[in-house]
Amino acid sequence: MKEVGMMYPGRGPFRYLPPWLRPGWWFRPRFCWWLMLSFPFFDSKTELEWLRAEREYLREWLRAVEERIKELEEGE
C-alpha cells in the first residue's frame, strides 16, 4: 500500500525531499555536511552580559502580560 502524499524514491531520512534538494546532491556522498554548521563563539563575559539583558527583557514582558491579565480579570 502506498503512503499518502508526495514521496520520492529512496528509503533514507530525506526521502520526502526531491533529489536535487537532498544534502547528497549538494555535497558529495560520505561528506559530513553538518560539520559546516558553525556556532558563534562568545567568551563568558559577553554571554553573561547577554543573559542579563535577556533576563531583563523577559521580566518586562512578564510585567506587561501580568498587567494585561489583571485588566482582563477586572473587566469581567
N, C-alpha and C. Protein backbone atom coordinates (compact mmCIF):
# COMPACT_ATOMS: atom_id res chain seq x y z
N MET A 1 0.84 -1.18 0.00
CA MET A 1 0.00 0.00 0.00
C MET A 1 0.88 1.24 0.00
N LYS A 2 0.61 2.17 -0.87
CA LYS A 2 1.42 3.38 -0.98
C LYS A 2 1.07 4.36 0.12
N GLU A 3 2.08 5.13 0.53
CA GLU A 3 1.84 6.18 1.52
C GLU A 3 1.10 7.32 0.86
N VAL A 4 0.34 8.01 1.66
CA VAL A 4 -0.40 9.16 1.14
C VAL A 4 0.55 10.34 1.03
N GLY A 5 0.47 11.08 -0.03
CA GLY A 5 1.30 12.26 -0.21
C GLY A 5 2.42 12.02 -1.20
N MET A 6 3.12 13.08 -1.50
CA MET A 6 4.20 13.02 -2.48
C MET A 6 5.45 12.49 -1.83
N MET A 7 5.93 11.36 -2.30
CA MET A 7 7.18 10.79 -1.80
C MET A 7 8.07 10.51 -3.00
N TYR A 8 9.35 10.69 -2.79
CA TYR A 8 10.33 10.45 -3.84
C TYR A 8 11.01 9.11 -3.58
N PRO A 9 11.64 8.53 -4.59
CA PRO A 9 12.27 7.23 -4.40
C PRO A 9 13.39 7.30 -3.37
N GLY A 10 13.58 6.23 -2.67
CA GLY A 10 14.63 6.14 -1.67
C GLY A 10 14.05 5.82 -0.30
N ARG A 11 14.92 5.34 0.58
CA ARG A 11 14.46 4.97 1.91
C ARG A 11 15.19 5.74 3.00
N GLY A 12 15.95 6.73 2.64
CA GLY A 12 16.74 7.47 3.62
C GLY A 12 15.94 8.51 4.38
N PRO A 13 16.61 9.24 5.26
CA PRO A 13 15.92 10.24 6.07
C PRO A 13 15.41 11.43 5.27
N PHE A 14 15.90 11.60 4.04
CA PHE A 14 15.49 12.74 3.22
C PHE A 14 14.60 12.31 2.07
N ARG A 15 13.88 11.21 2.21
CA ARG A 15 13.05 10.71 1.11
C ARG A 15 11.89 11.63 0.78
N TYR A 16 11.53 12.51 1.70
CA TYR A 16 10.45 13.46 1.42
C TYR A 16 10.92 14.61 0.53
N LEU A 17 12.23 14.74 0.35
CA LEU A 17 12.78 15.80 -0.50
C LEU A 17 13.06 15.27 -1.89
N PRO A 18 12.88 16.10 -2.90
CA PRO A 18 13.32 15.67 -4.23
C PRO A 18 14.84 15.56 -4.25
N PRO A 19 15.38 14.75 -5.13
CA PRO A 19 16.83 14.51 -5.12
C PRO A 19 17.67 15.79 -5.19
N TRP A 20 17.23 16.79 -5.91
CA TRP A 20 18.04 17.99 -6.06
C TRP A 20 18.04 18.87 -4.81
N LEU A 21 17.24 18.55 -3.81
CA LEU A 21 17.26 19.29 -2.56
C LEU A 21 17.91 18.51 -1.42
N ARG A 22 18.31 17.30 -1.66
CA ARG A 22 18.92 16.48 -0.62
C ARG A 22 20.37 16.90 -0.40
N PRO A 23 20.87 16.73 0.84
CA PRO A 23 22.26 17.09 1.11
C PRO A 23 23.26 16.36 0.22
N GLY A 24 22.98 15.11 -0.15
CA GLY A 24 23.89 14.36 -1.01
C GLY A 24 24.01 14.95 -2.41
N TRP A 25 23.02 15.71 -2.82
CA TRP A 25 23.06 16.36 -4.13
C TRP A 25 24.01 17.55 -4.08
N TRP A 26 23.95 18.29 -2.98
CA TRP A 26 24.79 19.49 -2.84
C TRP A 26 26.21 19.14 -2.42
N PHE A 27 26.34 18.10 -1.60
CA PHE A 27 27.65 17.68 -1.11
C PHE A 27 27.90 16.26 -1.60
N ARG A 28 29.13 15.92 -1.79
CA ARG A 28 29.44 14.59 -2.27
C ARG A 28 29.05 13.54 -1.23
N PRO A 29 28.85 12.31 -1.64
CA PRO A 29 28.49 11.25 -0.68
C PRO A 29 29.56 11.08 0.39
N ARG A 30 29.15 10.70 1.56
CA ARG A 30 30.01 10.48 2.73
C ARG A 30 30.71 11.75 3.18
N PHE A 31 30.15 12.90 2.86
CA PHE A 31 30.70 14.18 3.30
C PHE A 31 29.92 14.62 4.53
N CYS A 32 30.60 15.03 5.56
CA CYS A 32 29.94 15.45 6.80
C CYS A 32 29.45 16.88 6.64
N TRP A 33 28.32 17.03 5.97
CA TRP A 33 27.79 18.37 5.69
C TRP A 33 27.36 19.08 6.96
N TRP A 34 27.04 18.34 8.02
CA TRP A 34 26.60 19.00 9.25
C TRP A 34 27.78 19.65 9.97
N LEU A 35 29.00 19.30 9.62
CA LEU A 35 30.16 19.95 10.22
C LEU A 35 30.31 21.39 9.74
N MET A 36 29.65 21.73 8.64
CA MET A 36 29.73 23.09 8.12
C MET A 36 28.86 24.05 8.92
N LEU A 37 27.96 23.52 9.73
CA LEU A 37 27.14 24.38 10.56
C LEU A 37 28.03 24.97 11.65
N SER A 38 28.16 26.25 11.66
CA SER A 38 29.06 26.87 12.63
C SER A 38 28.25 27.53 13.74
N PHE A 39 28.81 27.50 14.91
CA PHE A 39 28.21 28.15 16.05
C PHE A 39 29.13 29.28 16.49
N PRO A 40 28.58 30.45 16.74
CA PRO A 40 29.44 31.56 17.15
C PRO A 40 30.03 31.31 18.53
N PHE A 41 31.24 31.75 18.70
CA PHE A 41 31.92 31.59 19.97
C PHE A 41 31.86 32.90 20.73
N PHE A 42 31.41 32.83 21.95
CA PHE A 42 31.38 34.00 22.81
C PHE A 42 32.15 33.68 24.08
N ASP A 43 32.88 34.66 24.57
CA ASP A 43 33.54 34.45 25.85
C ASP A 43 32.50 34.55 26.97
N SER A 44 32.86 34.14 28.16
CA SER A 44 31.89 34.08 29.26
C SER A 44 31.38 35.46 29.65
N LYS A 45 32.20 36.49 29.53
CA LYS A 45 31.76 37.85 29.89
C LYS A 45 30.66 38.32 28.94
N THR A 46 30.85 38.12 27.66
CA THR A 46 29.85 38.52 26.67
C THR A 46 28.56 37.74 26.86
N GLU A 47 28.69 36.45 27.10
CA GLU A 47 27.49 35.63 27.31
C GLU A 47 26.75 36.06 28.57
N LEU A 48 27.48 36.38 29.64
CA LEU A 48 26.86 36.83 30.88
C LEU A 48 26.10 38.14 30.67
N GLU A 49 26.70 39.08 29.95
CA GLU A 49 26.03 40.35 29.65
C GLU A 49 24.76 40.11 28.85
N TRP A 50 24.85 39.24 27.86
CA TRP A 50 23.68 38.95 27.03
C TRP A 50 22.57 38.30 27.85
N LEU A 51 22.94 37.35 28.71
CA LEU A 51 21.94 36.68 29.53
C LEU A 51 21.27 37.64 30.49
N ARG A 52 22.02 38.56 31.06
CA ARG A 52 21.41 39.56 31.96
C ARG A 52 20.45 40.46 31.20
N ALA A 53 20.84 40.89 30.01
CA ALA A 53 19.95 41.73 29.20
C ALA A 53 18.70 40.95 28.80
N GLU A 54 18.87 39.69 28.46
CA GLU A 54 17.73 38.85 28.09
C GLU A 54 16.79 38.65 29.27
N ARG A 55 17.35 38.48 30.46
CA ARG A 55 16.53 38.33 31.67
C ARG A 55 15.69 39.58 31.92
N GLU A 56 16.30 40.75 31.76
CA GLU A 56 15.57 42.00 31.96
C GLU A 56 14.47 42.16 30.91
N TYR A 57 14.77 41.81 29.69
CA TYR A 57 13.77 41.87 28.62
C TYR A 57 12.58 40.97 28.93
N LEU A 58 12.86 39.76 29.39
CA LEU A 58 11.79 38.82 29.72
C LEU A 58 10.99 39.29 30.92
N ARG A 59 11.65 39.93 31.88
CA ARG A 59 10.92 40.48 33.03
C ARG A 59 9.95 41.57 32.60
N GLU A 60 10.38 42.41 31.67
CA GLU A 60 9.49 43.46 31.16
C GLU A 60 8.27 42.84 30.47
N TRP A 61 8.49 41.82 29.67
CA TRP A 61 7.36 41.15 29.01
C TRP A 61 6.43 40.50 30.02
N LEU A 62 7.01 39.90 31.05
CA LEU A 62 6.20 39.26 32.08
C LEU A 62 5.34 40.29 32.80
N ARG A 63 5.92 41.46 33.10
CA ARG A 63 5.13 42.53 33.73
C ARG A 63 3.98 42.95 32.83
N ALA A 64 4.24 43.11 31.55
CA ALA A 64 3.20 43.51 30.61
C ALA A 64 2.10 42.45 30.52
N VAL A 65 2.47 41.19 30.52
CA VAL A 65 1.48 40.11 30.46
C VAL A 65 0.64 40.10 31.73
N GLU A 66 1.28 40.25 32.88
CA GLU A 66 0.54 40.26 34.14
C GLU A 66 -0.42 41.44 34.21
N GLU A 67 0.01 42.60 33.71
CA GLU A 67 -0.88 43.77 33.68
C GLU A 67 -2.08 43.50 32.79
N ARG A 68 -1.86 42.90 31.65
CA ARG A 68 -2.96 42.60 30.73
C ARG A 68 -3.93 41.59 31.35
N ILE A 69 -3.41 40.60 32.02
CA ILE A 69 -4.27 39.62 32.70
C ILE A 69 -5.11 40.32 33.75
N LYS A 70 -4.49 41.22 34.50
CA LYS A 70 -5.22 41.96 35.53
C LYS A 70 -6.33 42.80 34.91
N GLU A 71 -6.03 43.46 33.78
CA GLU A 71 -7.05 44.26 33.09
C GLU A 71 -8.22 43.40 32.65
N LEU A 72 -7.94 42.24 32.10
CA LEU A 72 -9.00 41.35 31.63
C LEU A 72 -9.83 40.80 32.78
N GLU A 73 -9.18 40.50 33.89
CA GLU A 73 -9.93 39.99 35.05
C GLU A 73 -10.83 41.06 35.65
N GLU A 74 -10.35 42.30 35.68
CA GLU A 74 -11.16 43.40 36.22
C GLU A 74 -12.31 43.76 35.30
N GLY A 75 -12.15 43.53 34.02
CA GLY A 75 -13.19 43.85 33.06
C GLY A 75 -14.37 42.89 33.09
N GLU A 76 -14.18 41.72 33.66
CA GLU A 76 -15.26 40.72 33.68
C GLU A 76 -16.30 41.01 34.69
